[in-house]
Amino acid sequence: MHISSIKDLPSEKITDFLIKHWGSPKMVISSGVYDCSKLEGFIVLNEENNIAGLITYVIKDNECEIISLDSVEEGKGIGTALLKAVEDVAKENNCKVLKLITTNDNLLALRFYQKRGYYFSKLLLNAVEKARRVKPEIPLIGNDGIPIRDEILLEKLVR
């Protein structure tokens, strides 16, 4: 598996991928509004040269925040490899903590991150309602028929 910088692909290919998986390149979460197509990140391409995985992040002060992570081929280690690449960048930049936000319906993400050392740090009640004011494309119902309402902040200390 080869991991490369998000900047190695044309921006329109990144934007198309983000629209397909998130409805738009815009990510609206409690920590801010981000255009994921313009953020730092990493990609993994499949044999057909299509994006098999993509992660974006921002570094502020001594914290690294993962803004998006997608793996379209589950169970192949793509998400884990992308996460490790960002964790390495966080170490290189002397970050003290890695953090990310996901929604209450995203049980796969909650399992994925906890298995990799992330812990629940904060529950942001009704945060998705506020995000919908900026990005109305956010659905009301998410994975497994669970209403999407809350955000969960997960963190991991950088070692």
Protein backbone atom coordinates (compact mmCIF):
# COMPACT_ATOMS: atom_id res chain seq x y z
CA MET A 1 0.00 0.00 0.00
CA HIS A 2 1.40 3.36 -1.02
CA ILE A 3 0.42 6.47 0.95
CA SER A 4 0.98 9.83 -0.69
CA SER A 5 0.13 13.45 -0.04
CA ILE A 6 -3.32 14.69 -0.92
CA LYS A 7 -1.52 17.35 -2.98
CA ASP A 8 -0.27 14.64 -5.38
CA LEU A 9 -3.74 14.45 -6.97
CA PRO A 10 -5.59 17.12 -8.92
CA SER A 11 -7.85 19.07 -6.56
CA GLU A 12 -10.94 18.24 -8.64
CA LYS A 13 -10.39 14.51 -8.03
CA ILE A 14 -10.25 15.18 -4.27
CA THR A 15 -13.35 17.40 -4.47
CA ASP A 16 -15.30 14.76 -6.43
CA PHE A 17 -14.40 12.12 -3.85
CA LEU A 18 -15.49 14.36 -0.96
CA ILE A 19 -18.79 15.21 -2.66
CA LYS A 20 -19.48 11.51 -3.20
CA HIS A 21 -18.73 10.59 0.43
CA TRP A 22 -19.73 13.71 2.38
CA GLY A 23 -22.16 15.60 0.12
CA SER A 24 -19.64 18.41 -0.36
CA PRO A 25 -15.99 19.18 0.45
CA LYS A 26 -17.24 21.32 3.34
CA MET A 27 -17.02 19.73 6.80
CA VAL A 28 -18.98 21.46 9.54
CA ILE A 29 -18.15 20.37 13.07
CA SER A 30 -17.96 22.06 16.45
CA SER A 31 -14.30 22.97 15.98
CA GLY A 32 -14.99 24.88 12.76
CA VAL A 33 -15.96 24.83 9.10
CA TYR A 34 -13.35 23.27 6.83
CA ASP A 35 -12.96 22.80 3.10
CA CYS A 36 -11.41 19.34 3.16
CA SER A 37 -10.20 19.71 -0.44
CA LYS A 38 -7.82 22.44 0.76
CA LEU A 39 -6.50 20.74 3.91
CA GLU A 40 -3.34 18.76 4.48
CA GLY A 41 -3.84 15.03 4.16
CA PHE A 42 -2.94 11.69 2.70
CA ILE A 43 -4.43 9.33 0.12
CA VAL A 44 -4.20 5.71 -0.90
CA LEU A 45 -5.00 4.81 -4.50
CA ASN A 46 -6.32 1.42 -5.63
CA GLU A 47 -5.10 -0.55 -8.65
CA GLU A 48 -7.40 1.45 -10.95
CA ASN A 49 -5.81 4.67 -9.68
CA ASN A 50 -8.98 5.68 -7.85
CA ILE A 51 -8.99 6.93 -4.27
CA ALA A 52 -9.31 3.97 -1.88
CA GLY A 53 -8.73 6.09 1.22
CA LEU A 54 -8.33 9.72 2.20
CA ILE A 55 -7.60 11.51 5.47
CA THR A 56 -7.45 15.25 6.16
CA TYR A 57 -6.19 17.09 9.20
CA VAL A 58 -5.24 20.45 10.68
CA ILE A 59 -2.57 21.32 13.21
CA LYS A 60 -3.22 24.19 15.62
CA ASP A 61 -0.75 24.97 18.36
CA ASN A 62 0.14 21.62 19.88
CA GLU A 63 -2.95 19.72 18.70
CA CYS A 64 -3.61 17.74 15.54
CA GLU A 65 -7.25 17.36 14.57
CA ILE A 66 -8.39 14.78 12.05
CA ILE A 67 -11.17 16.37 10.02
CA SER A 68 -12.12 13.49 7.73
CA LEU A 69 -11.19 9.85 7.18
CA ASP A 70 -12.63 7.62 4.49
CA SER A 71 -11.71 4.12 3.44
CA VAL A 72 -13.80 2.70 0.62
CA GLU A 73 -12.26 -0.77 0.91
CA GLU A 74 -12.97 -1.97 4.44
CA GLY A 75 -10.77 -4.48 6.22
CA LYS A 76 -7.61 -3.89 4.18
CA GLY A 77 -5.80 -1.65 6.68
CA ILE A 78 -6.22 1.51 4.60
CA GLY A 79 -7.84 3.55 7.36
CA THR A 80 -5.29 2.34 9.90
CA ALA A 81 -2.38 3.23 7.60
CA LEU A 82 -3.78 6.71 6.92
CA LEU A 83 -4.36 7.28 10.63
CA LYS A 84 -0.77 6.22 11.38
CA ALA A 85 0.52 8.67 8.75
CA VAL A 86 -1.26 11.55 10.51
CA GLU A 87 -0.09 10.35 13.91
CA ASP A 88 3.49 10.43 12.58
CA VAL A 89 2.97 14.02 11.35
CA ALA A 90 1.60 14.96 14.78
CA LYS A 91 4.75 13.57 16.43
CA GLU A 92 7.00 15.41 13.96
CA ASN A 93 5.16 18.65 14.78
CA ASN A 94 5.46 18.10 18.54
CA CYS A 95 1.71 17.84 19.02
CA LYS A 96 0.61 16.69 22.44
CA VAL A 97 -2.81 15.38 21.45
CA LEU A 98 -4.64 14.01 18.43
CA LYS A 99 -8.36 14.62 18.31
CA LEU A 100 -11.35 14.13 16.08
CA ILE A 101 -15.09 14.53 16.10
CA THR A 102 -17.63 11.99 14.89
CA THR A 103 -21.37 11.74 15.21
CA ASN A 104 -23.42 9.59 17.58
CA ASP A 105 -24.62 7.29 14.75
CA ASN A 106 -21.13 6.42 13.49
CA LEU A 107 -20.68 3.19 15.42
CA LEU A 108 -18.06 1.88 12.98
CA ALA A 109 -15.90 4.95 13.53
CA LEU A 110 -16.35 4.79 17.30
CA ARG A 111 -15.18 1.17 17.28
CA PHE A 112 -12.33 1.88 14.84
CA TYR A 113 -10.83 4.76 16.81
CA GLN A 114 -11.20 3.16 20.25
CA LYS A 115 -9.37 0.05 19.04
CA ARG A 116 -6.51 2.37 18.04
CA GLY A 117 -6.15 4.08 21.40
CA TYR A 118 -8.59 6.99 21.13
CA TYR A 119 -10.87 7.70 24.08
CA PHE A 120 -14.13 9.60 24.53
CA SER A 121 -13.31 13.10 25.70
CA LYS A 122 -16.52 15.06 25.35
CA LEU A 123 -20.14 14.69 24.30
CA LEU A 124 -21.44 17.70 22.38
CA LEU A 125 -25.22 17.48 22.71
CA ASN A 126 -27.27 18.60 19.69
CA ALA A 127 -24.15 19.86 17.92
CA VAL A 128 -25.32 18.46 14.59
CA GLU A 129 -28.41 20.66 14.68
CA LYS A 130 -26.11 23.69 14.72
CA ALA A 131 -24.01 22.23 11.90
CA ARG A 132 -27.13 21.75 9.74
CA ARG A 133 -27.69 25.51 9.79
CA VAL A 134 -24.44 25.84 7.84
CA LYS A 135 -24.62 22.55 5.90
CA PRO A 136 -28.26 21.52 5.44
CA GLU A 137 -27.19 18.41 3.45
CA ILE A 138 -26.39 16.63 6.72
CA PRO A 139 -29.04 13.92 6.94
CA LEU A 140 -31.41 13.58 9.89
CA ILE A 141 -31.01 9.81 10.04
CA GLY A 142 -27.64 8.10 9.86
CA ASN A 143 -26.16 4.64 10.06
CA ASP A 144 -28.46 1.85 11.25
CA GLY A 145 -31.44 4.24 11.34
CA ILE A 146 -29.96 6.23 14.24
CA PRO A 147 -30.97 9.90 14.36
CA ILE A 148 -27.89 12.10 13.95
CA ARG A 149 -27.89 14.66 16.77
CA ASP A 150 -24.71 14.73 18.79
CA GLU A 151 -20.97 14.96 18.21
CA ILE A 152 -18.44 12.95 20.15
CA LEU A 153 -14.91 14.26 20.64
CA LEU A 154 -12.28 11.54 20.79
CA GLU A 155 -8.66 12.14 21.75
CA LYS A 156 -5.37 10.28 21.91
CA LEU A 157 -2.17 11.45 23.53
CA VAL A 158 0.82 11.66 21.21
CA ARG A 159 3.67 9.46 22.42
